[in-house]
Amino acid sequence: MNYYIEDAKKFLEVAEKEFEQEKTTGDLIKIKQAAEKDWNATVQATNGLFAKRGESIPKTNRERRQGLKKIAPELRDRFEAKAHSLHSECFYHGVCPLELIEENIKKVREYISQIEKK
């Protein structure tokens, strides 16, 4: 079993639970934490793809983007979109529209599934 994919699923599960608990309270700190866990699920799944392909695990997001361009260019835009909406906008800048976070959680689940099939 791919350690990175398993971690991605665990991060996603925690993100889903935290988001469901906090979306009604509006606690921005906890919503930001859920978004960051969703982002980490994306990173771990991406690392899982590199592991599956026998590639070195990237140490930075820049390396991940460059590596995706080579091994799975169809996933690069999806990775970058999650970096922007979950990590940059929500976690760092506090722009966390609930519907966007909820949509991203679903998309990260799809992203993980897509990587599992590769």
Protein backbone atom coordinates (compact mmCIF):
# COMPACT_ATOMS: atom_id res chain seq x y z
CA MET A 1 0.00 0.00 0.00
CA ASN A 2 1.18 3.48 -0.82
CA TYR A 3 1.96 5.33 2.43
CA TYR A 4 1.36 8.76 0.85
CA ILE A 5 -2.05 7.84 -0.53
CA GLU A 6 -3.08 6.45 2.85
CA ASP A 7 -1.96 9.69 4.53
CA ALA A 8 -3.87 11.70 1.93
CA LYS A 9 -7.05 9.79 2.77
CA LYS A 10 -6.52 10.35 6.49
CA PHE A 11 -5.98 14.09 6.03
CA LEU A 12 -9.08 14.27 3.84
CA GLU A 13 -11.16 12.42 6.40
CA VAL A 14 -10.11 14.81 9.16
CA ALA A 15 -10.71 17.83 6.88
CA GLU A 16 -14.23 16.60 6.12
CA LYS A 17 -15.06 16.04 9.79
CA GLU A 18 -13.65 19.38 10.90
CA PHE A 19 -15.38 21.25 8.13
CA GLU A 20 -18.75 19.63 8.85
CA GLN A 21 -18.43 20.46 12.54
CA GLU A 22 -17.37 24.06 12.01
CA LYS A 23 -19.30 25.24 8.96
CA THR A 24 -22.32 25.98 11.14
CA THR A 25 -20.30 27.78 13.83
CA GLY A 26 -18.35 29.91 11.40
CA ASP A 27 -15.16 29.53 13.44
CA LEU A 28 -12.67 30.86 10.87
CA ILE A 29 -9.63 29.38 12.60
CA LYS A 30 -11.08 25.88 12.51
CA ILE A 31 -12.32 26.28 8.96
CA LYS A 32 -8.84 27.39 7.95
CA GLN A 33 -7.42 24.31 9.67
CA ALA A 34 -9.82 22.08 7.74
CA ALA A 35 -8.81 23.76 4.49
CA GLU A 36 -5.14 23.25 5.30
CA LYS A 37 -5.72 19.55 5.98
CA ASP A 38 -7.52 19.31 2.64
CA TRP A 39 -4.49 20.94 1.02
CA ASN A 40 -2.19 18.50 2.80
CA ALA A 41 -4.31 15.64 1.42
CA THR A 42 -3.59 17.05 -2.04
CA VAL A 43 0.16 17.23 -1.34
CA GLN A 44 0.29 13.69 0.06
CA ALA A 45 -1.70 12.28 -2.86
CA THR A 46 0.66 14.02 -5.26
CA ASN A 47 3.63 12.56 -3.41
CA GLY A 48 1.91 9.20 -3.73
CA LEU A 49 1.86 9.57 -7.48
CA PHE A 50 5.59 10.25 -7.54
CA ALA A 51 6.17 7.17 -5.36
CA LYS A 52 4.01 5.01 -7.65
CA ARG A 53 6.08 6.13 -10.62
CA GLY A 54 9.37 5.42 -8.84
CA GLU A 55 10.25 9.10 -8.83
CA SER A 56 11.92 11.04 -6.02
CA ILE A 57 9.43 12.67 -3.68
CA PRO A 58 9.53 16.43 -4.26
CA LYS A 59 10.54 18.56 -1.31
CA THR A 60 8.74 21.74 -2.39
CA ASN A 61 5.49 22.61 -4.11
CA ARG A 62 7.49 24.11 -6.94
CA GLU A 63 9.16 20.74 -7.46
CA ARG A 64 5.73 19.07 -7.36
CA ARG A 65 4.39 21.42 -10.04
CA GLN A 66 7.44 20.85 -12.24
CA GLY A 67 7.28 17.09 -11.69
CA LEU A 68 3.57 16.94 -12.46
CA LYS A 69 4.26 18.74 -15.71
CA LYS A 70 6.43 15.77 -16.67
CA ILE A 71 4.61 12.76 -15.22
CA ALA A 72 0.94 13.83 -15.14
CA PRO A 73 0.40 17.19 -16.84
CA GLU A 74 -3.38 16.76 -16.65
CA LEU A 75 -3.14 17.03 -12.84
CA ARG A 76 -0.94 20.09 -12.64
CA ASP A 77 -3.75 22.65 -12.94
CA ARG A 78 -5.79 20.81 -10.32
CA PHE A 79 -2.82 20.81 -7.94
CA GLU A 80 -2.23 24.52 -8.49
CA ALA A 81 -5.91 25.33 -7.99
CA LYS A 82 -5.87 23.62 -4.59
CA ALA A 83 -2.67 25.43 -3.62
CA HIS A 84 -4.33 28.72 -4.43
CA SER A 85 -7.81 28.25 -2.98
CA LEU A 86 -7.06 26.12 0.09
CA HIS A 87 -3.53 27.03 1.08
CA SER A 88 -3.01 30.60 -0.05
CA GLU A 89 -6.44 32.18 -0.08
CA CYS A 90 -8.12 30.38 2.82
CA PHE A 91 -5.32 29.39 5.19
CA TYR A 92 -3.10 32.44 4.76
CA HIS A 93 -5.53 35.17 3.77
CA GLY A 94 -8.72 34.02 5.49
CA VAL A 95 -10.80 34.03 2.32
CA CYS A 96 -12.77 30.85 2.97
CA PRO A 97 -16.20 30.86 1.34
CA LEU A 98 -17.86 27.77 2.79
CA GLU A 99 -19.25 26.61 -0.54
CA LEU A 100 -15.77 26.78 -2.07
CA ILE A 101 -14.20 24.79 0.75
CA GLU A 102 -16.96 22.18 0.53
CA GLU A 103 -16.49 21.94 -3.24
CA ASN A 104 -12.74 21.60 -2.82
CA ILE A 105 -13.15 18.75 -0.35
CA LYS A 106 -15.11 16.84 -3.00
CA LYS A 107 -12.54 17.69 -5.66
CA VAL A 108 -9.66 16.52 -3.47
CA ARG A 109 -11.47 13.20 -2.99
CA GLU A 110 -11.70 12.93 -6.81
CA TYR A 111 -8.02 13.93 -7.15
CA ILE A 112 -6.96 11.15 -4.78
CA SER A 113 -9.13 8.65 -6.63
CA GLN A 114 -7.66 9.69 -9.95
CA ILE A 115 -4.13 9.24 -8.62
CA GLU A 116 -5.00 5.80 -7.24
CA LYS A 117 -6.03 4.72 -10.76
CA LYS A 118 -2.75 5.85 -12.37
